[in-house]
Amino acid sequence: MSPCLAVMCKLPQRGKVKTRIAATLGDDSAVEMYRCALADTLALASSINDVIHVLSYAPPTDEGQRYFKRAGASFALIPQPGATLSERISGTLDLLLKNYSPVVLIGSDSPDLPPELITRAFEVLHGSADVVLGPATDGGYYLIGLRAMHPILFERIAWSTAIVAQQTQERAGEAELQMVGLPCWHDLDTVADLSALVAPGAPLTRAFVATLKAKEANENESGGCVEGW
């Protein structure tokens, strides 16, 4: 079967994306930042050759489908199954692994991710590894890749906490799966995270952040920026 690189993403909607960033910068800036991060992530995924590109979107509505047909014109589209994060991740992988192998899944929270890490994920899965995991600095993961479906990897996980990657590793050990870890990378969850973006990755997101900082500096009499930057 052909290898597949899938991107999980949400429809950019006020109050539905980057809520922690929105609490500081406002909903409009958070939505626009997410649009930039999504565009950068899709460009990153498109740069990976010799794989099938799939976009797994939420919510699974006509509006979502129309938006992502435009945003990801070169991607095959599938709606994310399930309601919880666990169901959406495992459901997406389960669907894709019926037709492709290996499958590498990334989100849109690490738009500056070096493409070499994605390429490395496929390399180890083409070898003897059952699972590849890219741990995030916040304790979650930015990438997971499988050759076959293993539901245990998504069971008994304290989602959206600092121990998600650790617990995923534990589930792999329980199932005696060979897991290979990639280097840690960061997510964009808070305003402080925006300063961690690494060039040359995420050019649109970095440009938008630079614009926000310049605007804040101009509006602030002391020349300061948003607290935490």
N, C-alpha and C. Protein backbone atom coordinates (compact mmCIF):
# COMPACT_ATOMS: atom_id res chain seq x y z
N MET A 1 0.84 -1.21 0.00
CA MET A 1 0.00 0.00 0.00
C MET A 1 0.87 1.25 0.00
N SER A 2 0.30 2.35 -0.43
CA SER A 2 1.03 3.61 -0.51
C SER A 2 1.13 4.26 0.86
N PRO A 3 2.24 4.97 1.12
CA PRO A 3 2.35 5.74 2.36
C PRO A 3 1.46 6.98 2.29
N CYS A 4 1.02 7.44 3.44
CA CYS A 4 0.09 8.56 3.51
C CYS A 4 0.52 9.53 4.60
N LEU A 5 0.49 10.81 4.28
CA LEU A 5 0.70 11.88 5.25
C LEU A 5 -0.62 12.63 5.40
N ALA A 6 -1.15 12.63 6.62
CA ALA A 6 -2.45 13.27 6.88
C ALA A 6 -2.27 14.44 7.84
N VAL A 7 -3.06 15.48 7.59
CA VAL A 7 -3.07 16.67 8.44
C VAL A 7 -4.45 16.77 9.08
N MET A 8 -4.48 16.85 10.41
CA MET A 8 -5.74 17.08 11.12
C MET A 8 -5.90 18.57 11.37
N CYS A 9 -7.07 19.11 11.04
CA CYS A 9 -7.26 20.55 11.22
C CYS A 9 -8.73 20.88 11.45
N LYS A 10 -8.94 22.09 11.93
CA LYS A 10 -10.28 22.58 12.22
C LYS A 10 -10.61 23.74 11.29
N LEU A 11 -11.91 23.94 11.09
CA LEU A 11 -12.38 25.11 10.38
C LEU A 11 -12.07 26.36 11.21
N PRO A 12 -11.41 27.36 10.63
CA PRO A 12 -11.11 28.58 11.39
C PRO A 12 -12.39 29.34 11.76
N GLN A 13 -12.80 29.24 13.02
CA GLN A 13 -14.02 29.88 13.50
C GLN A 13 -13.74 30.60 14.80
N ARG A 14 -14.33 31.76 14.96
CA ARG A 14 -14.19 32.52 16.21
C ARG A 14 -14.66 31.67 17.39
N GLY A 15 -13.81 31.66 18.43
CA GLY A 15 -14.16 30.92 19.64
C GLY A 15 -13.94 29.43 19.56
N LYS A 16 -13.49 28.92 18.42
CA LYS A 16 -13.30 27.47 18.25
C LYS A 16 -11.84 27.07 18.04
N VAL A 17 -10.98 28.04 17.72
CA VAL A 17 -9.57 27.73 17.48
C VAL A 17 -8.70 28.67 18.32
N LYS A 18 -7.60 28.14 18.83
CA LYS A 18 -6.60 28.93 19.55
C LYS A 18 -7.24 29.81 20.64
N THR A 19 -8.04 29.18 21.49
CA THR A 19 -8.78 29.95 22.49
C THR A 19 -7.87 30.60 23.53
N ARG A 20 -6.75 29.95 23.86
CA ARG A 20 -5.83 30.56 24.84
C ARG A 20 -5.12 31.78 24.25
N ILE A 21 -4.82 31.72 22.97
CA ILE A 21 -4.24 32.88 22.30
C ILE A 21 -5.29 33.98 22.15
N ALA A 22 -6.52 33.57 21.85
CA ALA A 22 -7.60 34.54 21.70
C ALA A 22 -7.86 35.31 22.98
N ALA A 23 -7.65 34.66 24.12
CA ALA A 23 -7.89 35.33 25.40
C ALA A 23 -7.00 36.55 25.57
N THR A 24 -5.83 36.56 24.92
CA THR A 24 -4.91 37.70 25.00
C THR A 24 -5.01 38.60 23.77
N LEU A 25 -5.07 38.00 22.60
CA LEU A 25 -5.00 38.78 21.36
C LEU A 25 -6.36 39.09 20.75
N GLY A 26 -7.40 38.41 21.22
CA GLY A 26 -8.73 38.60 20.65
C GLY A 26 -9.04 37.51 19.63
N ASP A 27 -10.33 37.29 19.41
CA ASP A 27 -10.76 36.21 18.51
C ASP A 27 -10.31 36.43 17.08
N ASP A 28 -10.40 37.65 16.58
CA ASP A 28 -10.06 37.90 15.18
C ASP A 28 -8.60 37.59 14.90
N SER A 29 -7.71 38.03 15.79
CA SER A 29 -6.28 37.76 15.60
C SER A 29 -5.98 36.27 15.72
N ALA A 30 -6.67 35.61 16.67
CA ALA A 30 -6.44 34.18 16.86
C ALA A 30 -6.88 33.39 15.62
N VAL A 31 -8.01 33.76 15.04
CA VAL A 31 -8.49 33.07 13.85
C VAL A 31 -7.55 33.30 12.67
N GLU A 32 -7.10 34.54 12.49
CA GLU A 32 -6.19 34.83 11.39
C GLU A 32 -4.85 34.12 11.58
N MET A 33 -4.37 34.08 12.82
CA MET A 33 -3.14 33.35 13.10
C MET A 33 -3.30 31.88 12.76
N TYR A 34 -4.47 31.31 13.11
CA TYR A 34 -4.71 29.91 12.80
C TYR A 34 -4.75 29.67 11.29
N ARG A 35 -5.38 30.59 10.54
CA ARG A 35 -5.39 30.45 9.08
C ARG A 35 -3.97 30.42 8.52
N CYS A 36 -3.12 31.28 9.05
CA CYS A 36 -1.72 31.30 8.60
C CYS A 36 -1.01 30.00 8.96
N ALA A 37 -1.21 29.52 10.19
CA ALA A 37 -0.58 28.28 10.62
C ALA A 37 -1.07 27.10 9.78
N LEU A 38 -2.36 27.09 9.46
CA LEU A 38 -2.91 26.02 8.63
C LEU A 38 -2.29 26.06 7.24
N ALA A 39 -2.22 27.24 6.63
CA ALA A 39 -1.63 27.36 5.30
C ALA A 39 -0.17 26.93 5.31
N ASP A 40 0.57 27.32 6.35
CA ASP A 40 1.98 26.90 6.45
C ASP A 40 2.08 25.40 6.61
N THR A 41 1.19 24.80 7.40
CA THR A 41 1.22 23.35 7.62
C THR A 41 0.91 22.59 6.34
N LEU A 42 -0.07 23.06 5.58
CA LEU A 42 -0.40 22.39 4.32
C LEU A 42 0.74 22.52 3.31
N ALA A 43 1.41 23.67 3.31
CA ALA A 43 2.58 23.82 2.44
C ALA A 43 3.69 22.87 2.87
N LEU A 44 3.88 22.74 4.18
CA LEU A 44 4.87 21.81 4.70
C LEU A 44 4.55 20.38 4.27
N ALA A 45 3.31 19.97 4.46
CA ALA A 45 2.91 18.62 4.09
C ALA A 45 3.09 18.39 2.59
N SER A 46 2.74 19.38 1.78
CA SER A 46 2.86 19.25 0.33
C SER A 46 4.30 19.09 -0.12
N SER A 47 5.24 19.54 0.70
CA SER A 47 6.65 19.44 0.33
C SER A 47 7.21 18.03 0.51
N ILE A 48 6.45 17.17 1.17
CA ILE A 48 6.89 15.79 1.37
C ILE A 48 6.47 14.98 0.15
N ASN A 49 7.44 14.43 -0.55
CA ASN A 49 7.19 13.73 -1.80
C ASN A 49 6.92 12.25 -1.59
N ASP A 50 6.33 11.64 -2.62
CA ASP A 50 6.12 10.18 -2.69
C ASP A 50 5.19 9.67 -1.60
N VAL A 51 4.23 10.49 -1.18
CA VAL A 51 3.21 10.07 -0.24
C VAL A 51 1.85 10.59 -0.73
N ILE A 52 0.79 9.95 -0.28
CA ILE A 52 -0.56 10.45 -0.52
C ILE A 52 -0.86 11.51 0.54
N HIS A 53 -1.38 12.65 0.12
CA HIS A 53 -1.69 13.73 1.05
C HIS A 53 -3.18 13.76 1.35
N VAL A 54 -3.51 13.72 2.63
CA VAL A 54 -4.90 13.71 3.06
C VAL A 54 -5.12 14.79 4.10
N LEU A 55 -6.26 15.43 4.05
CA LEU A 55 -6.64 16.44 5.04
C LEU A 55 -7.87 15.93 5.78
N SER A 56 -7.73 15.76 7.09
CA SER A 56 -8.82 15.30 7.94
C SER A 56 -9.38 16.51 8.67
N TYR A 57 -10.64 16.87 8.37
CA TYR A 57 -11.16 18.16 8.83
C TYR A 57 -12.32 18.02 9.81
N ALA A 58 -12.46 19.05 10.62
CA ALA A 58 -13.57 19.18 11.56
C ALA A 58 -14.02 20.63 11.58
N PRO A 59 -15.32 20.88 11.80
CA PRO A 59 -16.37 19.88 11.95
C PRO A 59 -16.73 19.24 10.60
N PRO A 60 -17.34 18.06 10.63
CA PRO A 60 -17.67 17.36 9.38
C PRO A 60 -18.95 17.89 8.76
N THR A 61 -18.92 19.15 8.38
CA THR A 61 -20.09 19.83 7.83
C THR A 61 -19.85 20.23 6.39
N ASP A 62 -20.93 20.65 5.71
CA ASP A 62 -20.76 21.14 4.34
C ASP A 62 -19.87 22.37 4.30
N GLU A 63 -20.02 23.25 5.31
CA GLU A 63 -19.17 24.44 5.38
C GLU A 63 -17.70 24.05 5.50
N GLY A 64 -17.41 23.07 6.37
CA GLY A 64 -16.04 22.61 6.51
C GLY A 64 -15.50 22.01 5.23
N GLN A 65 -16.30 21.22 4.57
CA GLN A 65 -15.85 20.61 3.31
C GLN A 65 -15.56 21.67 2.26
N ARG A 66 -16.45 22.67 2.14
CA ARG A 66 -16.24 23.73 1.14
C ARG A 66 -14.95 24.50 1.43
N TYR A 67 -14.73 24.82 2.71
CA TYR A 67 -13.54 25.60 3.07
C TYR A 67 -12.27 24.82 2.73
N PHE A 68 -12.23 23.55 3.10
CA PHE A 68 -11.00 22.80 2.93
C PHE A 68 -10.79 22.32 1.50
N LYS A 69 -11.85 22.30 0.70
CA LYS A 69 -11.65 22.05 -0.73
C LYS A 69 -10.84 23.18 -1.35
N ARG A 70 -11.05 24.40 -0.85
CA ARG A 70 -10.28 25.54 -1.33
C ARG A 70 -8.89 25.57 -0.69
N ALA A 71 -8.85 25.41 0.64
CA ALA A 71 -7.58 25.55 1.37
C ALA A 71 -6.61 24.42 1.06
N GLY A 72 -7.14 23.22 0.84
CA GLY A 72 -6.29 22.06 0.57
C GLY A 72 -6.64 21.42 -0.75
N ALA A 73 -6.57 22.21 -1.81
CA ALA A 73 -7.04 21.75 -3.12
C ALA A 73 -6.33 20.49 -3.61
N SER A 74 -5.08 20.30 -3.20
CA SER A 74 -4.32 19.14 -3.68
C SER A 74 -4.41 17.95 -2.72
N PHE A 75 -5.23 18.08 -1.67
CA PHE A 75 -5.35 17.03 -0.67
C PHE A 75 -6.66 16.26 -0.86
N ALA A 76 -6.61 14.96 -0.60
CA ALA A 76 -7.85 14.21 -0.45
C ALA A 76 -8.47 14.60 0.88
N LEU A 77 -9.79 14.71 0.95
CA LEU A 77 -10.47 15.17 2.15
C LEU A 77 -11.24 14.03 2.81
N ILE A 78 -11.14 13.97 4.16
CA ILE A 78 -12.01 13.08 4.92
C ILE A 78 -12.46 13.85 6.16
N PRO A 79 -13.74 13.74 6.53
CA PRO A 79 -14.20 14.36 7.78
C PRO A 79 -13.68 13.58 8.97
N GLN A 80 -13.35 14.29 10.03
CA GLN A 80 -12.88 13.61 11.23
C GLN A 80 -14.04 12.87 11.90
N PRO A 81 -13.88 11.57 12.15
CA PRO A 81 -14.94 10.81 12.80
C PRO A 81 -14.87 10.99 14.32
N GLY A 82 -16.02 10.90 14.98
CA GLY A 82 -16.02 10.94 16.43
C GLY A 82 -16.14 12.34 16.98
N ALA A 83 -16.32 12.42 18.30
CA ALA A 83 -16.53 13.71 18.98
C ALA A 83 -15.32 14.13 19.81
N THR A 84 -14.70 13.19 20.52
CA THR A 84 -13.58 13.53 21.38
C THR A 84 -12.28 13.52 20.58
N LEU A 85 -11.24 14.12 21.17
CA LEU A 85 -9.94 14.14 20.51
C LEU A 85 -9.44 12.72 20.25
N SER A 86 -9.60 11.85 21.24
CA SER A 86 -9.19 10.46 21.08
C SER A 86 -9.90 9.80 19.91
N GLU A 87 -11.21 10.02 19.81
CA GLU A 87 -11.99 9.42 18.72
C GLU A 87 -11.59 9.99 17.37
N ARG A 88 -11.27 11.29 17.35
CA ARG A 88 -10.93 11.90 16.06
C ARG A 88 -9.57 11.42 15.56
N ILE A 89 -8.59 11.33 16.49
CA ILE A 89 -7.26 10.86 16.08
C ILE A 89 -7.31 9.39 15.69
N SER A 90 -7.84 8.55 16.57
CA SER A 90 -7.86 7.11 16.31
C SER A 90 -8.76 6.79 15.13
N GLY A 91 -9.89 7.52 15.01
CA GLY A 91 -10.79 7.27 13.89
C GLY A 91 -10.17 7.63 12.56
N THR A 92 -9.46 8.74 12.53
CA THR A 92 -8.77 9.15 11.30
C THR A 92 -7.73 8.11 10.90
N LEU A 93 -6.92 7.68 11.85
CA LEU A 93 -5.90 6.68 11.55
C LEU A 93 -6.52 5.35 11.12
N ASP A 94 -7.58 4.95 11.80
CA ASP A 94 -8.24 3.69 11.46
C ASP A 94 -8.76 3.72 10.02
N LEU A 95 -9.38 4.82 9.63
CA LEU A 95 -9.88 4.95 8.26
C LEU A 95 -8.74 4.88 7.24
N LEU A 96 -7.68 5.63 7.50
CA LEU A 96 -6.60 5.72 6.53
C LEU A 96 -5.82 4.42 6.41
N LEU A 97 -5.62 3.74 7.54
CA LEU A 97 -4.82 2.52 7.52
C LEU A 97 -5.52 1.37 6.80
N LYS A 98 -6.79 1.53 6.49
CA LYS A 98 -7.47 0.52 5.68
C LYS A 98 -7.03 0.60 4.21
N ASN A 99 -6.48 1.75 3.82
CA ASN A 99 -6.12 1.96 2.41
C ASN A 99 -4.66 2.31 2.19
N TYR A 100 -3.97 2.76 3.25
CA TYR A 100 -2.59 3.20 3.13
C TYR A 100 -1.75 2.64 4.26
N SER A 101 -0.47 2.52 4.01
CA SER A 101 0.48 2.14 5.07
C SER A 101 1.90 2.40 4.58
N PRO A 102 2.74 3.02 5.45
CA PRO A 102 2.39 3.56 6.76
C PRO A 102 1.62 4.88 6.63
N VAL A 103 1.01 5.29 7.74
CA VAL A 103 0.31 6.56 7.82
C VAL A 103 0.97 7.42 8.90
N VAL A 104 1.32 8.64 8.54
CA VAL A 104 1.85 9.62 9.48
C VAL A 104 0.82 10.74 9.61
N LEU A 105 0.49 11.07 10.85
CA LEU A 105 -0.53 12.08 11.13
C LEU A 105 0.09 13.25 11.89
N ILE A 106 -0.15 14.47 11.40
CA ILE A 106 0.31 15.67 12.08
C ILE A 106 -0.89 16.60 12.27
N GLY A 107 -0.74 17.58 13.15
CA GLY A 107 -1.75 18.60 13.33
C GLY A 107 -1.30 19.90 12.68
N SER A 108 -2.04 20.97 12.97
CA SER A 108 -1.71 22.28 12.41
C SER A 108 -1.11 23.20 13.47
N ASP A 109 -0.70 22.63 14.61
CA ASP A 109 -0.17 23.44 15.71
C ASP A 109 1.34 23.62 15.66
N SER A 110 2.01 22.96 14.72
CA SER A 110 3.47 23.08 14.61
C SER A 110 3.84 23.43 13.17
N PRO A 111 3.44 24.61 12.71
CA PRO A 111 3.64 24.95 11.29
C PRO A 111 5.10 25.11 10.88
N ASP A 112 5.99 25.29 11.87
CA ASP A 112 7.42 25.44 11.56
C ASP A 112 8.18 24.13 11.71
N LEU A 113 7.47 23.04 11.81
CA LEU A 113 8.11 21.73 11.96
C LEU A 113 9.07 21.47 10.80
N PRO A 114 10.30 21.08 11.08
CA PRO A 114 11.23 20.78 9.98
C PRO A 114 10.75 19.58 9.17
N PRO A 115 10.73 19.67 7.87
CA PRO A 115 10.26 18.55 7.05
C PRO A 115 11.09 17.29 7.26
N GLU A 116 12.33 17.46 7.70
CA GLU A 116 13.18 16.30 7.93
C GLU A 116 12.60 15.37 9.00
N LEU A 117 11.86 15.93 9.95
CA LEU A 117 11.27 15.08 11.00
C LEU A 117 10.15 14.22 10.42
N ILE A 118 9.38 14.77 9.49
CA ILE A 118 8.33 13.98 8.85
C ILE A 118 8.95 12.89 7.99
N THR A 119 9.98 13.26 7.23
CA THR A 119 10.67 12.27 6.40
C THR A 119 11.25 11.16 7.25
N ARG A 120 11.81 11.53 8.40
CA ARG A 120 12.38 10.53 9.31
C ARG A 120 11.29 9.59 9.83
N ALA A 121 10.11 10.11 10.09
CA ALA A 121 9.01 9.27 10.56
C ALA A 121 8.70 8.17 9.55
N PHE A 122 8.64 8.53 8.29
CA PHE A 122 8.38 7.51 7.27
C PHE A 122 9.53 6.52 7.17
N GLU A 123 10.75 7.00 7.32
CA GLU A 123 11.91 6.10 7.23
C GLU A 123 11.86 5.03 8.30
N VAL A 124 11.55 5.41 9.53
CA VAL A 124 11.56 4.41 10.61
C VAL A 124 10.38 3.45 10.47
N LEU A 125 9.25 3.94 9.92
CA LEU A 125 8.11 3.05 9.73
C LEU A 125 8.33 2.10 8.56
N HIS A 126 9.14 2.50 7.60
CA HIS A 126 9.50 1.58 6.51
C HIS A 126 10.51 0.54 7.00
N GLY A 127 11.08 0.78 8.19
CA GLY A 127 11.97 -0.18 8.80
C GLY A 127 11.20 -1.13 9.69
N SER A 128 11.68 -1.30 10.92
CA SER A 128 11.07 -2.29 11.81
C SER A 128 10.13 -1.69 12.84
N ALA A 129 10.01 -0.37 12.90
CA ALA A 129 9.20 0.26 13.93
C ALA A 129 7.71 0.04 13.67
N ASP A 130 6.95 -0.18 14.75
CA ASP A 130 5.50 -0.26 14.66
C ASP A 130 4.86 1.12 14.79
N VAL A 131 5.51 1.96 15.59
CA VAL A 131 4.96 3.27 15.91
C VAL A 131 6.10 4.28 15.91
N VAL A 132 5.81 5.49 15.42
CA VAL A 132 6.75 6.60 15.59
C VAL A 132 5.98 7.73 16.26
N LEU A 133 6.62 8.38 17.22
CA LEU A 133 5.95 9.43 17.99
C LEU A 133 6.85 10.66 18.06
N GLY A 134 6.27 11.82 17.74
CA GLY A 134 6.99 13.08 17.87
C GLY A 134 6.47 13.82 19.09
N PRO A 135 7.14 13.77 20.22
CA PRO A 135 6.65 14.42 21.43
C PRO A 135 6.75 15.94 21.35
N ALA A 136 5.74 16.61 21.88
CA ALA A 136 5.74 18.07 21.94
C ALA A 136 6.26 18.52 23.29
N THR A 137 6.76 19.74 23.34
CA THR A 137 7.34 20.25 24.58
C THR A 137 6.32 20.41 25.69
N ASP A 138 5.02 20.46 25.33
CA ASP A 138 3.99 20.59 26.35
C ASP A 138 3.52 19.25 26.90
N GLY A 139 4.14 18.16 26.43
CA GLY A 139 3.79 16.83 26.93
C GLY A 139 2.87 16.04 26.02
N GLY A 140 2.33 16.70 24.99
CA GLY A 140 1.52 15.99 24.01
C GLY A 140 2.41 15.45 22.90
N TYR A 141 1.84 15.31 21.71
CA TYR A 141 2.69 14.95 20.57
C TYR A 141 2.23 15.68 19.32
N TYR A 142 3.22 16.01 18.46
CA TYR A 142 2.94 16.73 17.23
C TYR A 142 2.80 15.80 16.05
N LEU A 143 3.18 14.53 16.21
CA LEU A 143 3.18 13.56 15.12
C LEU A 143 3.02 12.17 15.69
N ILE A 144 2.22 11.37 15.02
CA ILE A 144 2.17 9.94 15.32
C ILE A 144 2.07 9.21 13.99
N GLY A 145 2.80 8.11 13.89
CA GLY A 145 2.78 7.33 12.67
C GLY A 145 2.66 5.85 12.98
N LEU A 146 1.90 5.13 12.15
CA LEU A 146 1.66 3.71 12.36
C LEU A 146 1.74 2.95 11.04
N ARG A 147 2.11 1.68 11.14
CA ARG A 147 2.02 0.79 9.98
C ARG A 147 0.71 0.03 9.97
N ALA A 148 0.14 -0.19 11.16
CA ALA A 148 -1.14 -0.87 11.32
C ALA A 148 -1.84 -0.26 12.53
N MET A 149 -3.14 -0.44 12.61
CA MET A 149 -3.91 0.17 13.69
C MET A 149 -3.71 -0.59 14.99
N HIS A 150 -3.47 0.18 16.08
CA HIS A 150 -3.33 -0.37 17.42
C HIS A 150 -4.17 0.48 18.36
N PRO A 151 -5.44 0.12 18.58
CA PRO A 151 -6.34 0.95 19.39
C PRO A 151 -5.84 1.24 20.80
N ILE A 152 -5.01 0.36 21.35
CA ILE A 152 -4.52 0.55 22.71
C ILE A 152 -3.75 1.86 22.86
N LEU A 153 -3.17 2.36 21.78
CA LEU A 153 -2.40 3.60 21.85
C LEU A 153 -3.25 4.81 22.20
N PHE A 154 -4.55 4.67 22.10
CA PHE A 154 -5.47 5.79 22.35
C PHE A 154 -6.40 5.53 23.53
N GLU A 155 -6.08 4.49 24.28
CA GLU A 155 -6.88 4.14 25.44
C GLU A 155 -6.17 4.57 26.73
N ARG A 156 -6.98 4.98 27.72
CA ARG A 156 -6.46 5.39 29.03
C ARG A 156 -5.40 6.49 28.89
N ILE A 157 -5.70 7.46 28.07
CA ILE A 157 -4.83 8.62 27.87
C ILE A 157 -5.51 9.85 28.47
N ALA A 158 -4.78 10.60 29.27
CA ALA A 158 -5.30 11.85 29.84
C ALA A 158 -5.08 12.96 28.82
N TRP A 159 -5.99 13.05 27.85
CA TRP A 159 -5.82 13.97 26.72
C TRP A 159 -5.75 15.42 27.19
N SER A 160 -4.99 16.21 26.44
CA SER A 160 -4.80 17.64 26.72
C SER A 160 -4.12 17.89 28.06
N THR A 161 -3.25 16.96 28.46
CA THR A 161 -2.44 17.14 29.66
C THR A 161 -0.97 16.97 29.30
N ALA A 162 -0.10 17.16 30.28
CA ALA A 162 1.34 17.10 30.05
C ALA A 162 1.89 15.67 30.03
N ILE A 163 1.02 14.66 30.10
CA ILE A 163 1.51 13.28 30.14
C ILE A 163 0.97 12.45 28.97
N VAL A 164 0.46 13.10 27.94
CA VAL A 164 -0.11 12.36 26.81
C VAL A 164 0.96 11.51 26.11
N ALA A 165 2.09 12.10 25.77
CA ALA A 165 3.15 11.34 25.10
C ALA A 165 3.67 10.22 25.99
N GLN A 166 3.84 10.51 27.27
CA GLN A 166 4.33 9.50 28.21
C GLN A 166 3.37 8.32 28.28
N GLN A 167 2.07 8.60 28.38
CA GLN A 167 1.10 7.52 28.47
C GLN A 167 1.00 6.75 27.16
N THR A 168 1.18 7.43 26.03
CA THR A 168 1.17 6.73 24.75
C THR A 168 2.35 5.77 24.66
N GLN A 169 3.49 6.19 25.15
CA GLN A 169 4.65 5.30 25.21
C GLN A 169 4.38 4.10 26.11
N GLU A 170 3.70 4.34 27.22
CA GLU A 170 3.37 3.25 28.13
C GLU A 170 2.43 2.24 27.47
N ARG A 171 1.42 2.74 26.73
CA ARG A 171 0.50 1.83 26.04
C ARG A 171 1.25 1.01 24.99
N ALA A 172 2.21 1.63 24.30
CA ALA A 172 3.00 0.89 23.31
C ALA A 172 3.80 -0.21 23.99
N GLY A 173 4.34 0.09 25.17
CA GLY A 173 5.09 -0.92 25.91
C GLY A 173 4.20 -2.08 26.34
N GLU A 174 2.99 -1.78 26.78
CA GLU A 174 2.06 -2.82 27.20
C GLU A 174 1.73 -3.76 26.05
N ALA A 175 1.64 -3.19 24.84
CA ALA A 175 1.31 -3.99 23.66
C ALA A 175 2.54 -4.59 23.00
N GLU A 176 3.72 -4.36 23.58
CA GLU A 176 4.98 -4.85 23.04
C GLU A 176 5.20 -4.37 21.61
N LEU A 177 4.86 -3.11 21.38
CA LEU A 177 5.09 -2.50 20.09
C LEU A 177 6.43 -1.80 20.09
N GLN A 178 7.12 -1.85 18.97
CA GLN A 178 8.39 -1.14 18.85
C GLN A 178 8.09 0.31 18.48
N MET A 179 8.40 1.22 19.39
CA MET A 179 8.16 2.64 19.16
C MET A 179 9.49 3.37 19.02
N VAL A 180 9.54 4.27 18.04
CA VAL A 180 10.70 5.13 17.86
C VAL A 180 10.25 6.57 18.11
N GLY A 181 11.02 7.28 18.92
CA GLY A 181 10.71 8.67 19.22
C GLY A 181 11.51 9.63 18.36
N LEU A 182 10.86 10.71 17.97
CA LEU A 182 11.52 11.79 17.24
C LEU A 182 11.92 12.88 18.24
N PRO A 183 12.74 13.84 17.83
CA PRO A 183 13.07 14.97 18.71
C PRO A 183 11.82 15.75 19.10
N CYS A 184 11.87 16.36 20.28
CA CYS A 184 10.77 17.22 20.73
C CYS A 184 10.64 18.44 19.82
N TRP A 185 9.40 18.91 19.69
CA TRP A 185 9.14 20.16 18.99
C TRP A 185 8.01 20.87 19.72
N HIS A 186 7.78 22.13 19.39
CA HIS A 186 6.81 22.92 20.13
C HIS A 186 5.49 23.05 19.36
N ASP A 187 4.43 23.27 20.12
CA ASP A 187 3.11 23.59 19.57
C ASP A 187 2.86 25.09 19.73
N LEU A 188 1.85 25.58 19.03
CA LEU A 188 1.41 26.96 19.21
C LEU A 188 0.10 26.95 19.99
N ASP A 189 0.20 27.06 21.30
CA ASP A 189 -0.98 27.03 22.15
C ASP A 189 -1.21 28.34 22.89
N THR A 190 -0.13 29.06 23.18
CA THR A 190 -0.22 30.29 23.95
C THR A 190 0.50 31.42 23.22
N VAL A 191 0.29 32.65 23.69
CA VAL A 191 0.98 33.79 23.09
C VAL A 191 2.49 33.64 23.21
N ALA A 192 2.95 33.13 24.33
CA ALA A 192 4.40 32.94 24.51
C ALA A 192 4.97 31.99 23.46
N ASP A 193 4.18 31.01 23.03
CA ASP A 193 4.66 30.05 22.03
C ASP A 193 4.95 30.71 20.69
N LEU A 194 4.31 31.83 20.42
CA LEU A 194 4.49 32.49 19.13
C LEU A 194 5.91 32.97 18.93
N SER A 195 6.61 33.25 20.02
CA SER A 195 7.99 33.71 19.92
C SER A 195 8.96 32.56 19.67
N ALA A 196 8.47 31.32 19.73
CA ALA A 196 9.34 30.16 19.56
C ALA A 196 9.42 29.69 18.11
N LEU A 197 8.66 30.32 17.21
CA LEU A 197 8.66 29.90 15.81
C LEU A 197 10.07 29.99 15.22
N VAL A 198 10.44 28.97 14.48
CA VAL A 198 11.81 28.85 13.98
C VAL A 198 11.83 29.05 12.46
N ALA A 199 12.62 30.01 12.00
CA ALA A 199 12.82 30.22 10.57
C ALA A 199 13.69 29.09 10.01
N PRO A 200 13.49 28.70 8.76
CA PRO A 200 12.62 29.32 7.75
C PRO A 200 11.20 28.76 7.75
N GLY A 201 10.86 27.95 8.74
CA GLY A 201 9.53 27.38 8.77
C GLY A 201 8.45 28.41 9.03
N ALA A 202 7.19 28.06 8.69
CA ALA A 202 6.02 28.87 8.98
C ALA A 202 6.17 30.33 8.55
N PRO A 203 6.47 30.61 7.29
CA PRO A 203 6.69 32.00 6.89
C PRO A 203 5.45 32.88 7.06
N LEU A 204 4.28 32.36 6.76
CA LEU A 204 3.06 33.17 6.89
C LEU A 204 2.76 33.46 8.35
N THR A 205 2.91 32.45 9.19
CA THR A 205 2.64 32.63 10.62
C THR A 205 3.63 33.59 11.24
N ARG A 206 4.91 33.46 10.89
CA ARG A 206 5.92 34.36 11.44
C ARG A 206 5.68 35.80 10.99
N ALA A 207 5.27 35.97 9.74
CA ALA A 207 4.99 37.32 9.24
C ALA A 207 3.79 37.93 9.97
N PHE A 208 2.77 37.13 10.23
CA PHE A 208 1.60 37.63 10.94
C PHE A 208 1.95 38.01 12.37
N VAL A 209 2.75 37.19 13.03
CA VAL A 209 3.18 37.50 14.39
C VAL A 209 4.00 38.78 14.42
N ALA A 210 4.88 38.95 13.44
CA ALA A 210 5.68 40.18 13.36
C ALA A 210 4.79 41.41 13.21
N THR A 211 3.73 41.28 12.43
CA THR A 211 2.79 42.39 12.25
C THR A 211 2.08 42.72 13.56
N LEU A 212 1.67 41.69 14.28
CA LEU A 212 1.01 41.91 15.58
C LEU A 212 1.94 42.61 16.56
N LYS A 213 3.18 42.18 16.59
CA LYS A 213 4.14 42.79 17.52
C LYS A 213 4.39 44.25 17.16
N ALA A 214 4.51 44.53 15.86
CA ALA A 214 4.74 45.91 15.44
C ALA A 214 3.55 46.79 15.78
N LYS A 215 2.35 46.26 15.60
CA LYS A 215 1.14 47.02 15.92
C LYS A 215 1.07 47.29 17.41
N GLU A 216 1.38 46.30 18.22
CA GLU A 216 1.35 46.48 19.67
C GLU A 216 2.38 47.51 20.12
N ALA A 217 3.56 47.46 19.51
CA ALA A 217 4.61 48.41 19.87
C ALA A 217 4.19 49.84 19.55
N ASN A 218 3.52 50.00 18.41
CA ASN A 218 3.08 51.33 18.01
C ASN A 218 1.98 51.87 18.91
N GLU A 219 1.12 50.96 19.41
CA GLU A 219 -0.01 51.39 20.23
C GLU A 219 0.35 51.56 21.69
N ASN A 220 1.45 50.98 22.10
CA ASN A 220 1.86 51.04 23.49
C ASN A 220 2.83 52.22 23.68
N GLU A 221 2.50 53.12 24.53
CA GLU A 221 3.32 54.31 24.72
C GLU A 221 4.75 53.97 25.15
N SER A 222 4.89 52.86 25.86
CA SER A 222 6.22 52.48 26.31
C SER A 222 7.00 51.69 25.28
N GLY A 223 6.33 51.36 24.16
CA GLY A 223 6.98 50.58 23.11
C GLY A 223 7.01 49.11 23.40
N GLY A 224 6.28 48.66 24.45
CA GLY A 224 6.29 47.24 24.79
C GLY A 224 5.36 46.45 23.89
N CYS A 225 5.44 45.13 24.01
CA CYS A 225 4.59 44.25 23.25
C CYS A 225 3.63 43.54 24.22
N VAL A 226 2.81 42.64 23.65
CA VAL A 226 1.89 41.90 24.49
C VAL A 226 2.65 41.12 25.54
N GLU A 227 2.16 41.14 26.75
CA GLU A 227 2.84 40.47 27.85
C GLU A 227 3.02 38.99 27.53
N GLY A 228 4.22 38.50 27.74
CA GLY A 228 4.52 37.10 27.47
C GLY A 228 5.27 36.89 26.17
N TRP A 229 5.35 37.93 25.33
CA TRP A 229 6.10 37.80 24.08
C TRP A 229 7.57 38.07 24.34
